[in-house]
Amino acid sequence: VLMDPVAFKTKYNIDARTNAEVVCINRQEKTVTVLNHL
């Protein structure tokens, strides 16, 4: 594992969410539905 979510946030200000699966895309509204597996 080369990077973890904390490193992504502190070094790049990127919100990296693990155990988070995108299960649906609404193209008209430009939204995604995310399932938190935890």
Full PDB file with SEQRES, HELIX, SHEET, SSBOND, CRYST1, ORIGX, SCALE, CONECT and MASTER records, all heavy atoms in Angstrom:
SEQRES   1 A   38  VAL LEU MET ASP PRO VAL ALA PHE LYS THR LYS TYR ASN          
SEQRES   2 A   38  ILE ASP ALA ARG THR ASN ALA GLU VAL VAL CYS ILE ASN          
SEQRES   3 A   38  ARG GLN GLU LYS THR VAL THR VAL LEU ASN HIS LEU              
HELIX    1 AA1 PRO A    5  TYR A   12  1                                   8    
SHEET    1 AA1 2 ALA A  20  ASN A  26  0                                        
SHEET    2 AA1 2 THR A  31  ASN A  36 -1                                        
CRYST1    1.000    1.000    1.000  90.00  90.00  90.00 P 1           1          
ORIGX1      1.000000  0.000000  0.000000        0.00000                         
ORIGX2      0.000000  1.000000  0.000000        0.00000                         
ORIGX3      0.000000  0.000000  1.000000        0.00000                         
SCALE1      1.000000  0.000000  0.000000        0.00000                         
SCALE2      0.000000  1.000000  0.000000        0.00000                         
SCALE3      0.000000  0.000000  1.000000        0.00000                         
ATOM      1  N   VAL A   1       0.861  -1.192   0.000  1.00  0.00           N  
ATOM      2  CA  VAL A   1       0.000   0.000   0.000  1.00  0.00           C  
ATOM      3  C   VAL A   1       0.894   1.238   0.000  1.00  0.00           C  
ATOM      4  O   VAL A   1       1.643   1.481   0.945  1.00  0.00           O  
ATOM      5  CB  VAL A   1      -0.936   0.010   1.218  1.00  0.00           C  
ATOM      6  CG1 VAL A   1      -1.837   1.236   1.177  1.00  0.00           C  
ATOM      7  CG2 VAL A   1      -1.762  -1.269   1.268  1.00  0.00           C  
ATOM      8  N   LEU A   2       0.821   2.002  -1.077  1.00  0.00           N  
ATOM      9  CA  LEU A   2       1.752   3.114  -1.263  1.00  0.00           C  
ATOM     10  C   LEU A   2       1.270   4.409  -0.620  1.00  0.00           C  
ATOM     11  O   LEU A   2       2.074   5.242  -0.210  1.00  0.00           O  
ATOM     12  CB  LEU A   2       1.983   3.334  -2.763  1.00  0.00           C  
ATOM     13  CG  LEU A   2       2.407   2.080  -3.546  1.00  0.00           C  
ATOM     14  CD1 LEU A   2       2.519   2.399  -5.029  1.00  0.00           C  
ATOM     15  CD2 LEU A   2       3.711   1.521  -3.008  1.00  0.00           C  
ATOM     16  N   MET A   3      -0.042   4.600  -0.548  1.00  0.00           N  
ATOM     17  CA  MET A   3      -0.626   5.808   0.055  1.00  0.00           C  
ATOM     18  C   MET A   3      -1.905   5.409   0.768  1.00  0.00           C  
ATOM     19  O   MET A   3      -2.580   4.460   0.349  1.00  0.00           O  
ATOM     20  CB  MET A   3      -0.966   6.833  -1.024  1.00  0.00           C  
ATOM     21  CG  MET A   3       0.229   7.477  -1.704  1.00  0.00           C  
ATOM     22  SD  MET A   3       0.866   8.888  -0.788  1.00  0.00           S  
ATOM     23  CE  MET A   3      -0.405  10.111  -1.122  1.00  0.00           C  
ATOM     24  N   ASP A   4      -2.241   6.119   1.824  1.00  0.00           N  
ATOM     25  CA  ASP A   4      -3.515   5.887   2.498  1.00  0.00           C  
ATOM     26  C   ASP A   4      -4.341   7.171   2.460  1.00  0.00           C  
ATOM     27  O   ASP A   4      -3.850   8.228   2.056  1.00  0.00           O  
ATOM     28  CB  ASP A   4      -3.302   5.392   3.928  1.00  0.00           C  
ATOM     29  CG  ASP A   4      -2.532   6.380   4.808  1.00  0.00           C  
ATOM     30  OD1 ASP A   4      -2.538   7.594   4.500  1.00  0.00           O  
ATOM     31  OD2 ASP A   4      -1.917   5.935   5.786  1.00  0.00           O  
ATOM     32  N   PRO A   5      -5.610   7.101   2.852  1.00  0.00           N  
ATOM     33  CA  PRO A   5      -6.460   8.297   2.780  1.00  0.00           C  
ATOM     34  C   PRO A   5      -5.916   9.494   3.548  1.00  0.00           C  
ATOM     35  O   PRO A   5      -6.082  10.646   3.109  1.00  0.00           O  
ATOM     36  CB  PRO A   5      -7.786   7.807   3.370  1.00  0.00           C  
ATOM     37  CG  PRO A   5      -7.821   6.347   3.038  1.00  0.00           C  
ATOM     38  CD  PRO A   5      -6.393   5.887   3.194  1.00  0.00           C  
ATOM     39  N   VAL A   6      -5.279   9.252   4.669  1.00  0.00           N  
ATOM     40  CA  VAL A   6      -4.718  10.366   5.449  1.00  0.00           C  
ATOM     41  C   VAL A   6      -3.638  11.075   4.648  1.00  0.00           C  
ATOM     42  O   VAL A   6      -3.587  12.318   4.586  1.00  0.00           O  
ATOM     43  CB  VAL A   6      -4.161   9.854   6.788  1.00  0.00           C  
ATOM     44  CG1 VAL A   6      -3.423  10.976   7.525  1.00  0.00           C  
ATOM     45  CG2 VAL A   6      -5.273   9.301   7.664  1.00  0.00           C  
ATOM     46  N   ALA A   7      -2.753  10.293   4.009  1.00  0.00           N  
ATOM     47  CA  ALA A   7      -1.687  10.895   3.205  1.00  0.00           C  
ATOM     48  C   ALA A   7      -2.258  11.657   2.017  1.00  0.00           C  
ATOM     49  O   ALA A   7      -1.773  12.748   1.663  1.00  0.00           O  
ATOM     50  CB  ALA A   7      -0.719   9.816   2.739  1.00  0.00           C  
ATOM     51  N   PHE A   8      -3.279  11.099   1.376  1.00  0.00           N  
ATOM     52  CA  PHE A   8      -3.900  11.807   0.262  1.00  0.00           C  
ATOM     53  C   PHE A   8      -4.465  13.155   0.720  1.00  0.00           C  
ATOM     54  O   PHE A   8      -4.373  14.160   0.006  1.00  0.00           O  
ATOM     55  CB  PHE A   8      -5.018  10.958  -0.355  1.00  0.00           C  
ATOM     56  CG  PHE A   8      -4.568  10.106  -1.506  1.00  0.00           C  
ATOM     57  CD1 PHE A   8      -4.415   8.741  -1.354  1.00  0.00           C  
ATOM     58  CD2 PHE A   8      -4.281  10.670  -2.736  1.00  0.00           C  
ATOM     59  CE1 PHE A   8      -3.995   7.943  -2.404  1.00  0.00           C  
ATOM     60  CE2 PHE A   8      -3.857   9.887  -3.798  1.00  0.00           C  
ATOM     61  CZ  PHE A   8      -3.711   8.520  -3.633  1.00  0.00           C  
ATOM     62  N   LYS A   9      -5.049  13.183   1.910  1.00  0.00           N  
ATOM     63  CA  LYS A   9      -5.651  14.424   2.408  1.00  0.00           C  
ATOM     64  C   LYS A   9      -4.587  15.443   2.805  1.00  0.00           C  
ATOM     65  O   LYS A   9      -4.666  16.619   2.427  1.00  0.00           O  
ATOM     66  CB  LYS A   9      -6.551  14.112   3.607  1.00  0.00           C  
ATOM     67  CG  LYS A   9      -7.347  15.313   4.099  1.00  0.00           C  
ATOM     68  CD  LYS A   9      -8.322  15.810   3.039  1.00  0.00           C  
ATOM     69  CE  LYS A   9      -9.163  16.970   3.530  1.00  0.00           C  
ATOM     70  NZ  LYS A   9     -10.063  17.499   2.472  1.00  0.00           N  
ATOM     71  N   THR A  10      -3.587  15.000   3.569  1.00  0.00           N  
ATOM     72  CA  THR A  10      -2.596  15.943   4.081  1.00  0.00           C  
ATOM     73  C   THR A  10      -1.633  16.424   2.995  1.00  0.00           C  
ATOM     74  O   THR A  10      -1.204  17.581   3.004  1.00  0.00           O  
ATOM     75  CB  THR A  10      -1.798  15.314   5.229  1.00  0.00           C  
ATOM     76  OG1 THR A  10      -1.186  14.091   4.773  1.00  0.00           O  
ATOM     77  CG2 THR A  10      -2.699  15.002   6.419  1.00  0.00           C  
ATOM     78  N   LYS A  11      -1.280  15.547   2.046  1.00  0.00           N  
ATOM     79  CA  LYS A  11      -0.294  15.918   1.023  1.00  0.00           C  
ATOM     80  C   LYS A  11      -0.916  16.549  -0.211  1.00  0.00           C  
ATOM     81  O   LYS A  11      -0.300  17.403  -0.851  1.00  0.00           O  
ATOM     82  CB  LYS A  11       0.526  14.696   0.620  1.00  0.00           C  
ATOM     83  CG  LYS A  11       1.413  14.158   1.743  1.00  0.00           C  
ATOM     84  CD  LYS A  11       2.223  12.948   1.273  1.00  0.00           C  
ATOM     85  CE  LYS A  11       3.124  12.443   2.383  1.00  0.00           C  
ATOM     86  NZ  LYS A  11       3.936  11.263   1.946  1.00  0.00           N  
ATOM     87  N   TYR A  12      -2.135  16.108  -0.564  1.00  0.00           N  
ATOM     88  CA  TYR A  12      -2.728  16.558  -1.829  1.00  0.00           C  
ATOM     89  C   TYR A  12      -4.116  17.180  -1.671  1.00  0.00           C  
ATOM     90  O   TYR A  12      -4.696  17.611  -2.666  1.00  0.00           O  
ATOM     91  CB  TYR A  12      -2.827  15.373  -2.800  1.00  0.00           C  
ATOM     92  CG  TYR A  12      -1.501  14.754  -3.122  1.00  0.00           C  
ATOM     93  CD1 TYR A  12      -1.143  13.512  -2.595  1.00  0.00           C  
ATOM     94  CD2 TYR A  12      -0.576  15.404  -3.937  1.00  0.00           C  
ATOM     95  CE1 TYR A  12       0.078  12.931  -2.884  1.00  0.00           C  
ATOM     96  CE2 TYR A  12       0.652  14.836  -4.234  1.00  0.00           C  
ATOM     97  CZ  TYR A  12       0.981  13.599  -3.708  1.00  0.00           C  
ATOM     98  OH  TYR A  12       2.184  13.039  -3.983  1.00  0.00           O  
ATOM     99  N   ASN A  13      -4.629  17.201  -0.456  1.00  0.00           N  
ATOM    100  CA  ASN A  13      -5.981  17.692  -0.217  1.00  0.00           C  
ATOM    101  C   ASN A  13      -6.990  16.976  -1.107  1.00  0.00           C  
ATOM    102  O   ASN A  13      -7.876  17.585  -1.701  1.00  0.00           O  
ATOM    103  CB  ASN A  13      -6.070  19.209  -0.429  1.00  0.00           C  
ATOM    104  CG  ASN A  13      -7.379  19.783   0.091  1.00  0.00           C  
ATOM    105  OD1 ASN A  13      -8.018  19.202   0.986  1.00  0.00           O  
ATOM    106  ND2 ASN A  13      -7.806  20.909  -0.475  1.00  0.00           N  
ATOM    107  N   ILE A  14      -6.827  15.671  -1.215  1.00  0.00           N  
ATOM    108  CA  ILE A  14      -7.746  14.815  -1.944  1.00  0.00           C  
ATOM    109  C   ILE A  14      -8.502  13.963  -0.933  1.00  0.00           C  
ATOM    110  O   ILE A  14      -7.897  13.345  -0.046  1.00  0.00           O  
ATOM    111  CB  ILE A  14      -6.995  13.906  -2.945  1.00  0.00           C  
ATOM    112  CG1 ILE A  14      -6.374  14.759  -4.059  1.00  0.00           C  
ATOM    113  CG2 ILE A  14      -7.921  12.843  -3.541  1.00  0.00           C  
ATOM    114  CD1 ILE A  14      -5.436  13.985  -4.967  1.00  0.00           C  
ATOM    115  N   ASP A  15      -9.808  13.940  -1.050  1.00  0.00           N  
ATOM    116  CA  ASP A  15     -10.659  13.163  -0.148  1.00  0.00           C  
ATOM    117  C   ASP A  15     -10.759  11.728  -0.693  1.00  0.00           C  
ATOM    118  O   ASP A  15     -11.545  11.449  -1.602  1.00  0.00           O  
ATOM    119  CB  ASP A  15     -12.041  13.816  -0.066  1.00  0.00           C  
ATOM    120  CG  ASP A  15     -12.967  13.119   0.928  1.00  0.00           C  
ATOM    121  OD1 ASP A  15     -12.540  12.127   1.548  1.00  0.00           O  
ATOM    122  OD2 ASP A  15     -14.124  13.563   1.059  1.00  0.00           O  
ATOM    123  N   ALA A  16      -9.920  10.839  -0.184  1.00  0.00           N  
ATOM    124  CA  ALA A  16      -9.909   9.443  -0.627  1.00  0.00           C  
ATOM    125  C   ALA A  16     -10.748   8.607   0.334  1.00  0.00           C  
ATOM    126  O   ALA A  16     -10.434   8.511   1.519  1.00  0.00           O  
ATOM    127  CB  ALA A  16      -8.478   8.917  -0.676  1.00  0.00           C  
ATOM    128  N   ARG A  17     -11.805   8.013  -0.189  1.00  0.00           N  
ATOM    129  CA  ARG A  17     -12.734   7.261   0.659  1.00  0.00           C  
ATOM    130  C   ARG A  17     -12.652   5.772   0.317  1.00  0.00           C  
ATOM    131  O   ARG A  17     -12.989   5.363  -0.800  1.00  0.00           O  
ATOM    132  CB  ARG A  17     -14.165   7.765   0.463  1.00  0.00           C  
ATOM    133  CG  ARG A  17     -14.317   9.257   0.769  1.00  0.00           C  
ATOM    134  CD  ARG A  17     -15.735   9.748   0.538  1.00  0.00           C  
ATOM    135  NE  ARG A  17     -15.827  11.200   0.700  1.00  0.00           N  
ATOM    136  CZ  ARG A  17     -16.940  11.908   0.528  1.00  0.00           C  
ATOM    137  NH1 ARG A  17     -18.068  11.273   0.161  1.00  0.00           N  
ATOM    138  NH2 ARG A  17     -16.930  13.219   0.679  1.00  0.00           N  
ATOM    139  N   THR A  18     -12.198   4.982   1.264  1.00  0.00           N  
ATOM    140  CA  THR A  18     -12.124   3.535   1.074  1.00  0.00           C  
ATOM    141  C   THR A  18     -13.415   2.873   1.542  1.00  0.00           C  
ATOM    142  O   THR A  18     -14.230   3.487   2.245  1.00  0.00           O  
ATOM    143  CB  THR A  18     -10.929   2.947   1.839  1.00  0.00           C  
ATOM    144  OG1 THR A  18     -11.043   3.310   3.226  1.00  0.00           O  
ATOM    145  CG2 THR A  18      -9.609   3.476   1.295  1.00  0.00           C  
ATOM    146  N   ASN A  19     -13.595   1.619   1.139  1.00  0.00           N  
ATOM    147  CA  ASN A  19     -14.830   0.874   1.429  1.00  0.00           C  
ATOM    148  C   ASN A  19     -16.064   1.640   0.966  1.00  0.00           C  
ATOM    149  O   ASN A  19     -17.142   1.533   1.549  1.00  0.00           O  
ATOM    150  CB  ASN A  19     -14.929   0.566   2.934  1.00  0.00           C  
ATOM    151  CG  ASN A  19     -13.776  -0.287   3.421  1.00  0.00           C  
ATOM    152  OD1 ASN A  19     -13.619  -1.430   3.003  1.00  0.00           O  
ATOM    153  ND2 ASN A  19     -12.936   0.286   4.282  1.00  0.00           N  
ATOM    154  N   ALA A  20     -15.863   2.405  -0.105  1.00  0.00           N  
ATOM    155  CA  ALA A  20     -16.936   3.251  -0.632  1.00  0.00           C  
ATOM    156  C   ALA A  20     -17.137   2.894  -2.102  1.00  0.00           C  
ATOM    157  O   ALA A  20     -16.298   3.211  -2.946  1.00  0.00           O  
ATOM    158  CB  ALA A  20     -16.587   4.727  -0.477  1.00  0.00           C  
ATOM    159  N   GLU A  21     -18.249   2.253  -2.392  1.00  0.00           N  
ATOM    160  CA  GLU A  21     -18.510   1.785  -3.754  1.00  0.00           C  
ATOM    161  C   GLU A  21     -19.574   2.650  -4.430  1.00  0.00           C  
ATOM    162  O   GLU A  21     -20.671   2.832  -3.900  1.00  0.00           O  
ATOM    163  CB  GLU A  21     -18.978   0.333  -3.723  1.00  0.00           C  
ATOM    164  CG  GLU A  21     -19.254  -0.241  -5.100  1.00  0.00           C  
ATOM    165  CD  GLU A  21     -19.701  -1.693  -5.068  1.00  0.00           C  
ATOM    166  OE1 GLU A  21     -19.845  -2.249  -3.952  1.00  0.00           O  
ATOM    167  OE2 GLU A  21     -19.905  -2.270  -6.159  1.00  0.00           O  
ATOM    168  N   VAL A  22     -19.246   3.147  -5.592  1.00  0.00           N  
ATOM    169  CA  VAL A  22     -20.227   3.868  -6.398  1.00  0.00           C  
ATOM    170  C   VAL A  22     -21.128   2.842  -7.069  1.00  0.00           C  
ATOM    171  O   VAL A  22     -20.670   2.038  -7.881  1.00  0.00           O  
ATOM    172  CB  VAL A  22     -19.544   4.768  -7.442  1.00  0.00           C  
ATOM    173  CG1 VAL A  22     -20.576   5.392  -8.377  1.00  0.00           C  
ATOM    174  CG2 VAL A  22     -18.731   5.858  -6.755  1.00  0.00           C  
ATOM    175  N   VAL A  23     -22.396   2.848  -6.697  1.00  0.00           N  
ATOM    176  CA  VAL A  23     -23.319   1.805  -7.172  1.00  0.00           C  
ATOM    177  C   VAL A  23     -24.275   2.314  -8.238  1.00  0.00           C  
ATOM    178  O   VAL A  23     -24.962   1.524  -8.888  1.00  0.00           O  
ATOM    179  CB  VAL A  23     -24.120   1.205  -5.993  1.00  0.00           C  
ATOM    180  CG1 VAL A  23     -23.192   0.451  -5.049  1.00  0.00           C  
ATOM    181  CG2 VAL A  23     -24.886   2.294  -5.242  1.00  0.00           C  
ATOM    182  N   CYS A  24     -24.336   3.635  -8.427  1.00  0.00           N  
ATOM    183  CA  CYS A  24     -25.262   4.172  -9.419  1.00  0.00           C  
ATOM    184  C   CYS A  24     -24.785   5.548  -9.867  1.00  0.00           C  
ATOM    185  O   CYS A  24     -24.187   6.291  -9.079  1.00  0.00           O  
ATOM    186  CB  CYS A  24     -26.677   4.276  -8.833  1.00  0.00           C  
ATOM    187  SG  CYS A  24     -27.935   4.813 -10.030  1.00  0.00           S  
ATOM    188  N   ILE A  25     -25.041   5.852 -11.150  1.00  0.00           N  
ATOM    189  CA  ILE A  25     -24.747   7.178 -11.692  1.00  0.00           C  
ATOM    190  C   ILE A  25     -26.041   7.745 -12.285  1.00  0.00           C  
ATOM    191  O   ILE A  25     -26.708   7.070 -13.070  1.00  0.00           O  
ATOM    192  CB  ILE A  25     -23.672   7.115 -12.796  1.00  0.00           C  
ATOM    193  CG1 ILE A  25     -22.369   6.501 -12.268  1.00  0.00           C  
ATOM    194  CG2 ILE A  25     -23.400   8.506 -13.371  1.00  0.00           C  
ATOM    195  CD1 ILE A  25     -21.359   6.199 -13.361  1.00  0.00           C  
ATOM    196  N   ASN A  26     -26.362   8.953 -11.885  1.00  0.00           N  
ATOM    197  CA  ASN A  26     -27.505   9.664 -12.490  1.00  0.00           C  
ATOM    198  C   ASN A  26     -26.921  10.719 -13.432  1.00  0.00           C  
ATOM    199  O   ASN A  26     -26.473  11.786 -13.002  1.00  0.00           O  
ATOM    200  CB  ASN A  26     -28.359  10.325 -11.406  1.00  0.00           C  
ATOM    201  CG  ASN A  26     -29.648  10.903 -11.968  1.00  0.00           C  
ATOM    202  OD1 ASN A  26     -29.656  11.492 -13.050  1.00  0.00           O  
ATOM    203  ND2 ASN A  26     -30.738  10.745 -11.232  1.00  0.00           N  
ATOM    204  N   ARG A  27     -26.922  10.382 -14.713  1.00  0.00           N  
ATOM    205  CA  ARG A  27     -26.276  11.262 -15.683  1.00  0.00           C  
ATOM    206  C   ARG A  27     -27.006  12.581 -15.854  1.00  0.00           C  
ATOM    207  O   ARG A  27     -26.375  13.627 -16.094  1.00  0.00           O  
ATOM    208  CB  ARG A  27     -26.159  10.539 -17.029  1.00  0.00           C  
ATOM    209  CG  ARG A  27     -25.178   9.396 -17.017  1.00  0.00           C  
ATOM    210  CD  ARG A  27     -25.287   8.531 -18.265  1.00  0.00           C  
ATOM    211  NE  ARG A  27     -25.167   9.312 -19.493  1.00  0.00           N  
ATOM    212  CZ  ARG A  27     -25.372   8.827 -20.709  1.00  0.00           C  
ATOM    213  NH1 ARG A  27     -25.747   7.543 -20.854  1.00  0.00           N  
ATOM    214  NH2 ARG A  27     -25.240   9.599 -21.777  1.00  0.00           N  
ATOM    215  N   GLN A  28     -28.326  12.566 -15.720  1.00  0.00           N  
ATOM    216  CA  GLN A  28     -29.089  13.796 -15.908  1.00  0.00           C  
ATOM    217  C   GLN A  28     -28.816  14.794 -14.777  1.00  0.00           C  
ATOM    218  O   GLN A  28     -28.621  15.987 -14.997  1.00  0.00           O  
ATOM    219  CB  GLN A  28     -30.596  13.484 -15.978  1.00  0.00           C  
ATOM    220  CG  GLN A  28     -31.034  12.822 -17.290  1.00  0.00           C  
ATOM    221  CD  GLN A  28     -30.512  11.386 -17.421  1.00  0.00           C  
ATOM    222  OE1 GLN A  28     -30.445  10.644 -16.418  1.00  0.00           O  
ATOM    223  NE2 GLN A  28     -30.134  11.000 -18.626  1.00  0.00           N  
ATOM    224  N   GLU A  29     -28.798  14.274 -13.548  1.00  0.00           N  
ATOM    225  CA  GLU A  29     -28.570  15.149 -12.394  1.00  0.00           C  
ATOM    226  C   GLU A  29     -27.089  15.306 -12.064  1.00  0.00           C  
ATOM    227  O   GLU A  29     -26.729  16.103 -11.198  1.00  0.00           O  
ATOM    228  CB  GLU A  29     -29.316  14.609 -11.173  1.00  0.00           C  
ATOM    229  CG  GLU A  29     -30.832  14.598 -11.350  1.00  0.00           C  
ATOM    230  CD  GLU A  29     -31.557  14.119 -10.097  1.00  0.00           C  
ATOM    231  OE1 GLU A  29     -30.864  13.921  -9.068  1.00  0.00           O  
ATOM    232  OE2 GLU A  29     -32.777  13.948 -10.149  1.00  0.00           O  
ATOM    233  N   LYS A  30     -26.240  14.524 -12.745  1.00  0.00           N  
ATOM    234  CA  LYS A  30     -24.786  14.526 -12.510  1.00  0.00           C  
ATOM    235  C   LYS A  30     -24.486  14.233 -11.033  1.00  0.00           C  
ATOM    236  O   LYS A  30     -23.797  14.999 -10.351  1.00  0.00           O  
ATOM    237  CB  LYS A  30     -24.165  15.844 -12.964  1.00  0.00           C  
ATOM    238  CG  LYS A  30     -24.295  16.070 -14.469  1.00  0.00           C  
ATOM    239  CD  LYS A  30     -23.709  17.400 -14.901  1.00  0.00           C  
ATOM    240  CE  LYS A  30     -22.194  17.397 -14.829  1.00  0.00           C  
ATOM    241  NZ  LYS A  30     -21.615  18.639 -15.371  1.00  0.00           N  
ATOM    242  N   THR A  31     -25.046  13.104 -10.575  1.00  0.00           N  
ATOM    243  CA  THR A  31     -24.781  12.647  -9.214  1.00  0.00           C  
ATOM    244  C   THR A  31     -24.409  11.163  -9.252  1.00  0.00           C  
ATOM    245  O   THR A  31     -24.729  10.448 -10.207  1.00  0.00           O  
ATOM    246  CB  THR A  31     -26.011  12.814  -8.300  1.00  0.00           C  
ATOM    247  OG1 THR A  31     -27.088  12.006  -8.798  1.00  0.00           O  
ATOM    248  CG2 THR A  31     -26.430  14.265  -8.196  1.00  0.00           C  
ATOM    249  N   VAL A  32     -23.737  10.725  -8.217  1.00  0.00           N  
ATOM    250  CA  VAL A  32     -23.463   9.304  -8.026  1.00  0.00           C  
ATOM    251  C   VAL A  32     -24.025   8.893  -6.671  1.00  0.00           C  
ATOM    252  O   VAL A  32     -24.097   9.708  -5.733  1.00  0.00           O  
ATOM    253  CB  VAL A  32     -21.951   8.975  -8.097  1.00  0.00           C  
ATOM    254  CG1 VAL A  32     -21.366   9.372  -9.441  1.00  0.00           C  
ATOM    255  CG2 VAL A  32     -21.187   9.623  -6.948  1.00  0.00           C  
ATOM    256  N   THR A  33     -24.423   7.637  -6.584  1.00  0.00           N  
ATOM    257  CA  THR A  33     -24.848   7.066  -5.303  1.00  0.00           C  
ATOM    258  C   THR A  33     -23.740   6.170  -4.799  1.00  0.00           C  
ATOM    259  O   THR A  33     -23.228   5.304  -5.526  1.00  0.00           O  
ATOM    260  CB  THR A  33     -26.142   6.248  -5.470  1.00  0.00           C  
ATOM    261  OG1 THR A  33     -27.162   7.098  -5.997  1.00  0.00           O  
ATOM    262  CG2 THR A  33     -26.593   5.665  -4.142  1.00  0.00           C  
ATOM    263  N   VAL A  34     -23.362   6.381  -3.538  1.00  0.00           N  
ATOM    264  CA  VAL A  34     -22.218   5.691  -2.946  1.00  0.00           C  
ATOM    265  C   VAL A  34     -22.694   4.809  -1.800  1.00  0.00           C  
ATOM    266  O   VAL A  34     -23.470   5.251  -0.939  1.00  0.00           O  
ATOM    267  CB  VAL A  34     -21.176   6.699  -2.417  1.00  0.00           C  
ATOM    268  CG1 VAL A  34     -19.939   5.968  -1.894  1.00  0.00           C  
ATOM    269  CG2 VAL A  34     -20.798   7.699  -3.502  1.00  0.00           C  
ATOM    270  N   LEU A  35     -22.239   3.556  -1.790  1.00  0.00           N  
ATOM    271  CA  LEU A  35     -22.530   2.629  -0.703  1.00  0.00           C  
ATOM    272  C   LEU A  35     -21.319   2.538   0.211  1.00  0.00           C  
ATOM    273  O   LEU A  35     -20.225   2.161  -0.222  1.00  0.00           O  
ATOM    274  CB  LEU A  35     -22.867   1.244  -1.258  1.00  0.00           C  
ATOM    275  CG  LEU A  35     -22.995   0.109  -0.234  1.00  0.00           C  
ATOM    276  CD1 LEU A  35     -24.152   0.380   0.732  1.00  0.00           C  
ATOM    277  CD2 LEU A  35     -23.173  -1.230  -0.935  1.00  0.00           C  
ATOM    278  N   ASN A  36     -21.503   2.874   1.477  1.00  0.00           N  
ATOM    279  CA  ASN A  36     -20.462   2.718   2.490  1.00  0.00           C  
ATOM    280  C   ASN A  36     -20.515   1.284   3.004  1.00  0.00           C  
ATOM    281  O   ASN A  36     -21.473   0.894   3.674  1.00  0.00           O  
ATOM    282  CB  ASN A  36     -20.672   3.726   3.627  1.00  0.00           C  
ATOM    283  CG  ASN A  36     -19.549   3.677   4.647  1.00  0.00           C  
ATOM    284  OD1 ASN A  36     -19.009   2.621   4.956  1.00  0.00           O  
ATOM    285  ND2 ASN A  36     -19.211   4.837   5.195  1.00  0.00           N  
ATOM    286  N   HIS A  37     -19.517   0.490   2.684  1.00  0.00           N  
ATOM    287  CA  HIS A  37     -19.552  -0.928   3.038  1.00  0.00           C  
ATOM    288  C   HIS A  37     -19.366  -1.165   4.542  1.00  0.00           C  
ATOM    289  O   HIS A  37     -19.663  -2.265   5.025  1.00  0.00           O  
ATOM    290  CB  HIS A  37     -18.471  -1.689   2.263  1.00  0.00           C  
ATOM    291  CG  HIS A  37     -18.849  -1.961   0.838  1.00  0.00           C  
ATOM    292  ND1 HIS A  37     -19.791  -2.894   0.481  1.00  0.00           N  
ATOM    293  CD2 HIS A  37     -18.416  -1.401  -0.327  1.00  0.00           C  
ATOM    294  CE1 HIS A  37     -19.919  -2.925  -0.832  1.00  0.00           C  
ATOM    295  NE2 HIS A  37     -19.099  -2.014  -1.350  1.00  0.00           N  
ATOM    296  N   LEU A  38     -18.892  -0.169   5.262  1.00  0.00           N  
ATOM    297  CA  LEU A  38     -18.713  -0.336   6.711  1.00  0.00           C  
ATOM    298  C   LEU A  38     -20.022  -0.089   7.466  1.00  0.00           C  
ATOM    299  O   LEU A  38     -20.306  -0.752   8.464  1.00  0.00           O  
ATOM    300  CB  LEU A  38     -17.628   0.618   7.217  1.00  0.00           C  
ATOM    301  CG  LEU A  38     -16.227   0.390   6.633  1.00  0.00           C  
ATOM    302  CD1 LEU A  38     -15.229   1.382   7.239  1.00  0.00           C  
ATOM    303  CD2 LEU A  38     -15.758  -1.046   6.879  1.00  0.00           C  
TER     304      LEU A  38                                                      
MASTER        0    0    0    1    2    0    0    6  303    1    0    3          
END                                                                             
